[in-house]
Amino acid sequence: MHNVQSLIQDLKNSGVDPSGTLLVHSSVKAVGKCERRGDTIIDALIEYMRDGLLILPTHTWDKINAEYNIYDPETEPSCVGVLTNLFLKRPGVIRSLHPTHSVAAIGKNAAVFVSGEEKTRTPCPRDGVYGKLYDLNAQILLLGCGFSSYTYIHCIEEWMDIPDRLNTVTQELFVKTADGLIPCPQHRHHCSHTNDISKNYVKMEKAFIKTGAAIYCRIGDAKSILCDAKKTADLTIRCLQETPNLFADKSEY
């Protein structure tokens, strides 16, 4: 059975920088049996990254829409896993104000990192939190999950203005704060030929591993992948410059 110390050792062995910036996509089930289930994983991540910045996505795109259009960061649950909702309950964790693609963070400059998301007009703009991952030379840990969970490629396609990735129609959304509602209209993610283009992001895995932009590792029982945000972005940008419609299908790259 895994405990905090064994998971911390796994993070160390995997090459996670304890004083750097780490975003974690996760599957609790993949990690295996832990003393306190997901809380043990959260304990290990927070303890290991105590001198750095730890970030988890806390997206709400599954429920926030034109009818249910008010995002309350204090109460709206995350739709991207058990671990993310456990993380939101921890003291000191700060959640961003993006109505559909919020993140939560704790540690070094967490408040600065999550700030300004209520000013966004798209899910993952270059000057938002996901762009900051690039600027901070962050690592992204796919903890028991694969590249279909790699939101970062959504961001890169958005930054490069790849056609048919953002809806041209603005959805009127709002963020609830102590001072009232803040309008935050959004051009939502969109792809006319598939409901989930992220399934096609797995075609980058071989290239990421071959170039050293990502490495395989293991956390608990979970087969995991540790990614360099800048290197994976740069490689994806080069590939999209050559083939803008690269992710239109699952054909091998």
Protein backbone atom coordinates (compact mmCIF):
# COMPACT_ATOMS: atom_id res chain seq x y z
CA MET A 1 0.00 0.00 0.00
CA HIS A 2 1.35 3.42 -0.96
CA ASN A 3 1.90 6.18 1.57
CA VAL A 4 3.02 9.79 1.47
CA GLN A 5 6.71 9.00 1.73
CA SER A 6 6.68 6.30 -0.94
CA LEU A 7 4.87 8.61 -3.36
CA ILE A 8 7.30 11.43 -2.59
CA GLN A 9 10.16 9.08 -3.45
CA ASP A 10 8.42 8.21 -6.73
CA LEU A 11 8.09 11.91 -7.59
CA LYS A 12 11.78 12.39 -6.86
CA ASN A 13 12.77 9.35 -8.93
CA SER A 14 10.65 10.65 -11.81
CA GLY A 15 12.60 13.88 -12.04
CA VAL A 16 9.93 16.29 -10.81
CA ASP A 17 11.60 19.57 -9.78
CA PRO A 18 10.45 20.26 -6.19
CA SER A 19 11.21 23.97 -6.46
CA GLY A 20 9.75 24.41 -9.93
CA THR A 21 6.23 24.68 -11.36
CA LEU A 22 4.19 21.49 -11.72
CA LEU A 23 0.72 20.99 -13.20
CA VAL A 24 -0.85 17.57 -12.60
CA HIS A 25 -3.50 15.75 -14.64
CA SER A 26 -4.53 12.68 -12.69
CA SER A 27 -6.26 9.36 -12.34
CA VAL A 28 -6.57 8.35 -8.69
CA LYS A 29 -7.54 4.79 -9.55
CA ALA A 30 -4.35 4.26 -11.56
CA VAL A 31 -2.12 5.06 -8.57
CA GLY A 32 -3.41 2.01 -6.70
CA LYS A 33 -4.13 1.49 -3.02
CA CYS A 34 -3.11 4.37 -0.78
CA GLU A 35 -3.46 4.71 2.99
CA ARG A 36 -5.98 7.56 2.69
CA ARG A 37 -6.88 7.20 -0.98
CA GLY A 38 -6.73 10.48 -2.88
CA ASP A 39 -5.82 12.49 0.20
CA THR A 40 -2.53 10.61 0.42
CA ILE A 41 -1.69 11.63 -3.15
CA ILE A 42 -2.55 15.27 -2.41
CA ASP A 43 -0.46 15.17 0.77
CA ALA A 44 2.51 13.83 -1.17
CA LEU A 45 2.21 16.40 -3.98
CA ILE A 46 1.86 19.35 -1.59
CA GLU A 47 4.71 18.19 0.62
CA TYR A 48 7.04 17.47 -2.30
CA MET A 49 6.29 20.82 -3.98
CA ARG A 50 6.44 22.89 -0.78
CA ASP A 51 9.23 25.07 -2.23
CA GLY A 52 7.62 25.31 -5.67
CA LEU A 53 4.23 25.89 -7.29
CA LEU A 54 1.68 23.08 -7.55
CA ILE A 55 -1.27 23.43 -9.94
CA LEU A 56 -4.23 21.20 -10.74
CA PRO A 57 -6.90 21.87 -13.38
CA THR A 58 -10.37 22.44 -11.92
CA HIS A 59 -12.33 22.83 -15.14
CA THR A 60 -16.10 23.33 -15.25
CA TRP A 61 -16.77 23.21 -19.01
CA ASP A 62 -19.14 20.27 -18.60
CA LYS A 63 -21.85 22.30 -16.84
CA ILE A 64 -21.25 25.99 -17.49
CA ASN A 65 -23.20 26.99 -20.59
CA ALA A 66 -25.53 29.62 -22.03
CA GLU A 67 -28.32 28.66 -19.60
CA TYR A 68 -26.25 27.79 -16.50
CA ASN A 69 -23.91 30.68 -17.05
CA ILE A 70 -22.67 31.80 -13.62
CA TYR A 71 -19.44 30.26 -12.38
CA ASP A 72 -18.96 30.38 -8.62
CA PRO A 73 -15.34 29.42 -7.83
CA GLU A 74 -16.28 28.76 -4.21
CA THR A 75 -18.87 26.08 -4.93
CA GLU A 76 -18.68 24.82 -8.51
CA PRO A 77 -17.14 21.31 -8.57
CA SER A 78 -14.38 20.40 -10.97
CA CYS A 79 -15.23 17.98 -13.78
CA VAL A 80 -11.70 16.64 -14.25
CA GLY A 81 -11.25 14.09 -11.51
CA VAL A 82 -11.53 13.21 -7.85
CA LEU A 83 -8.08 14.56 -7.02
CA THR A 84 -8.92 18.04 -8.27
CA ASN A 85 -11.94 18.34 -5.99
CA LEU A 86 -9.95 17.11 -2.99
CA PHE A 87 -7.29 19.69 -3.80
CA LEU A 88 -9.87 22.49 -3.81
CA LYS A 89 -10.69 21.72 -0.15
CA ARG A 90 -7.12 22.19 1.06
CA PRO A 91 -6.15 25.30 3.07
CA GLY A 92 -4.10 27.74 1.06
CA VAL A 93 -5.27 26.55 -2.35
CA ILE A 94 -6.35 29.42 -4.62
CA ARG A 95 -8.68 28.92 -7.58
CA SER A 96 -8.64 31.02 -10.73
CA LEU A 97 -11.69 32.86 -12.06
CA HIS A 98 -11.93 31.35 -15.52
CA PRO A 99 -15.57 30.25 -15.99
CA THR A 100 -14.81 27.02 -17.89
CA HIS A 101 -11.06 26.29 -17.58
CA SER A 102 -10.10 27.28 -14.04
CA VAL A 103 -7.05 25.92 -12.26
CA ALA A 104 -6.18 25.79 -8.57
CA ALA A 105 -2.73 26.41 -7.17
CA ILE A 106 -0.72 26.42 -3.96
CA GLY A 107 2.81 27.51 -3.24
CA LYS A 108 5.24 30.00 -4.73
CA ASN A 109 3.43 33.02 -6.24
CA ALA A 110 0.17 31.06 -6.49
CA ALA A 111 -2.02 34.17 -6.27
CA VAL A 112 -0.09 35.87 -9.06
CA PHE A 113 -0.22 32.75 -11.19
CA VAL A 114 -4.02 32.38 -11.09
CA SER A 115 -4.78 36.11 -11.37
CA GLY A 116 -6.48 37.75 -14.32
CA GLU A 117 -8.44 34.80 -15.68
CA GLU A 118 -11.72 36.70 -15.43
CA LYS A 119 -10.38 38.91 -18.25
CA THR A 120 -10.02 36.02 -20.70
CA ARG A 121 -12.26 35.56 -23.71
CA THR A 122 -11.14 32.06 -24.74
CA PRO A 123 -10.46 28.85 -22.77
CA CYS A 124 -6.64 28.91 -22.87
CA PRO A 125 -5.20 32.22 -24.12
CA ARG A 126 -1.44 32.76 -24.43
CA ASP A 127 -1.51 35.39 -21.68
CA GLY A 128 -3.51 33.13 -19.34
CA VAL A 129 -2.44 30.45 -16.87
CA TYR A 130 -1.56 27.89 -19.53
CA GLY A 131 0.68 30.40 -21.29
CA LYS A 132 2.36 31.06 -17.95
CA LEU A 133 3.32 27.37 -17.81
CA TYR A 134 5.43 27.95 -20.92
CA ASP A 135 7.02 31.11 -19.51
CA LEU A 136 7.86 29.40 -16.22
CA ASN A 137 9.41 26.33 -17.89
CA ALA A 138 6.89 24.22 -16.03
CA GLN A 139 6.56 20.46 -15.91
CA ILE A 140 3.24 18.74 -16.57
CA LEU A 141 2.66 15.34 -14.97
CA LEU A 142 0.19 12.96 -16.58
CA LEU A 143 -0.37 10.91 -13.44
CA GLY A 144 -1.88 7.63 -14.63
CA CYS A 145 -3.35 9.19 -17.77
CA GLY A 146 -2.26 9.83 -21.34
CA PHE A 147 -2.06 12.63 -23.87
CA SER A 148 -5.81 12.70 -24.45
CA SER A 149 -5.77 14.53 -21.09
CA TYR A 150 -3.06 16.97 -22.22
CA THR A 151 -5.08 20.20 -22.24
CA TYR A 152 -1.88 22.01 -23.17
CA ILE A 153 -2.25 20.98 -26.84
CA HIS A 154 -5.69 22.60 -26.88
CA CYS A 155 -3.87 25.75 -25.77
CA ILE A 156 -1.23 25.54 -28.49
CA GLU A 157 -3.83 25.08 -31.21
CA GLU A 158 -5.63 28.11 -29.80
CA TRP A 159 -2.45 30.22 -29.68
CA MET A 160 -1.71 29.37 -33.31
CA ASP A 161 -5.23 30.20 -34.51
CA ILE A 162 -5.74 26.73 -35.98
CA PRO A 163 -9.07 26.90 -37.87
CA ASP A 164 -12.17 25.24 -36.40
CA ARG A 165 -10.94 25.19 -32.80
CA LEU A 166 -12.90 28.10 -31.28
CA ASN A 167 -16.56 28.88 -31.72
CA THR A 168 -17.07 32.17 -33.53
CA VAL A 169 -20.16 32.84 -31.42
CA THR A 170 -19.58 34.38 -28.01
CA GLN A 171 -21.23 32.68 -25.04
CA GLU A 172 -22.24 35.14 -22.33
CA LEU A 173 -20.80 33.81 -19.07
CA PHE A 174 -20.30 35.38 -15.65
CA VAL A 175 -18.00 34.87 -12.67
CA LYS A 176 -19.41 35.25 -9.16
CA THR A 177 -17.22 37.22 -6.76
CA ALA A 178 -17.68 38.90 -3.39
CA ASP A 179 -18.18 42.17 -5.25
CA GLY A 180 -20.82 40.80 -7.61
CA LEU A 181 -20.94 39.23 -11.06
CA ILE A 182 -18.14 39.83 -13.56
CA PRO A 183 -19.02 39.40 -17.26
CA CYS A 184 -16.63 36.93 -18.88
CA PRO A 185 -17.91 36.16 -22.42
CA GLN A 186 -16.17 33.20 -24.03
CA HIS A 187 -15.45 31.76 -27.45
CA ARG A 188 -15.73 28.11 -26.41
CA HIS A 189 -13.66 25.22 -27.74
CA HIS A 190 -15.20 23.86 -30.91
CA CYS A 191 -14.44 21.34 -33.63
CA SER A 192 -16.99 20.70 -36.36
CA HIS A 193 -16.01 17.10 -37.14
CA THR A 194 -15.57 15.59 -33.65
CA ASN A 195 -16.83 16.08 -30.11
CA ASP A 196 -13.43 15.33 -28.59
CA ILE A 197 -10.39 16.25 -30.67
CA SER A 198 -8.17 15.62 -27.62
CA LYS A 199 -8.39 11.89 -28.39
CA ASN A 200 -6.13 12.60 -31.35
CA TYR A 201 -3.40 14.26 -29.27
CA VAL A 202 -1.96 10.82 -28.48
CA LYS A 203 -0.30 10.88 -31.92
CA MET A 204 2.36 13.22 -30.45
CA GLU A 205 3.46 10.73 -27.78
CA LYS A 206 6.20 9.01 -29.79
CA ALA A 207 7.67 12.33 -30.91
CA PHE A 208 7.63 13.76 -27.39
CA ILE A 209 9.37 10.69 -25.95
CA LYS A 210 11.90 10.41 -28.79
CA THR A 211 12.99 14.04 -28.45
CA GLY A 212 13.09 14.01 -24.66
CA ALA A 213 10.24 16.50 -24.38
CA ALA A 214 8.51 13.89 -22.21
CA ILE A 215 9.64 10.83 -20.26
CA TYR A 216 7.86 7.79 -18.88
CA CYS A 217 7.79 7.36 -15.11
CA ARG A 218 5.81 5.61 -12.41
CA ILE A 219 3.99 7.11 -9.42
CA GLY A 220 2.65 4.38 -7.17
CA ASP A 221 1.17 1.84 -9.58
CA ALA A 222 0.43 4.51 -12.18
CA LYS A 223 2.24 4.47 -15.49
CA SER A 224 2.78 8.18 -15.89
CA ILE A 225 4.40 10.72 -18.21
CA LEU A 226 6.40 13.76 -17.13
CA CYS A 227 6.34 16.50 -19.78
CA ASP A 228 8.43 19.61 -20.27
CA ALA A 229 5.87 22.33 -21.05
CA LYS A 230 8.21 24.44 -23.18
CA LYS A 231 9.69 21.54 -25.15
CA THR A 232 6.34 19.90 -25.87
CA ALA A 233 4.90 23.26 -26.93
CA ASP A 234 7.82 24.09 -29.21
CA LEU A 235 7.68 20.69 -30.88
CA THR A 236 3.90 20.84 -31.31
CA ILE A 237 4.16 24.34 -32.79
CA ARG A 238 6.71 23.15 -35.35
CA CYS A 239 4.50 20.21 -36.29
CA LEU A 240 1.41 22.41 -36.64
CA GLN A 241 3.32 24.89 -38.78
CA GLU A 242 4.00 22.02 -41.19
CA THR A 243 0.59 20.36 -40.84
CA PRO A 244 -2.07 22.72 -39.40
CA ASN A 245 -4.72 20.00 -39.47
CA LEU A 246 -2.46 17.49 -37.73
CA PHE A 247 -5.06 16.51 -35.12
CA ALA A 248 -7.97 16.10 -37.49
CA ASP A 249 -7.70 12.32 -37.11
CA LYS A 250 -5.79 9.62 -35.24
CA SER A 251 -3.52 8.62 -38.12
CA GLU A 252 0.05 7.99 -36.95
CA TYR A 253 2.39 10.96 -37.16
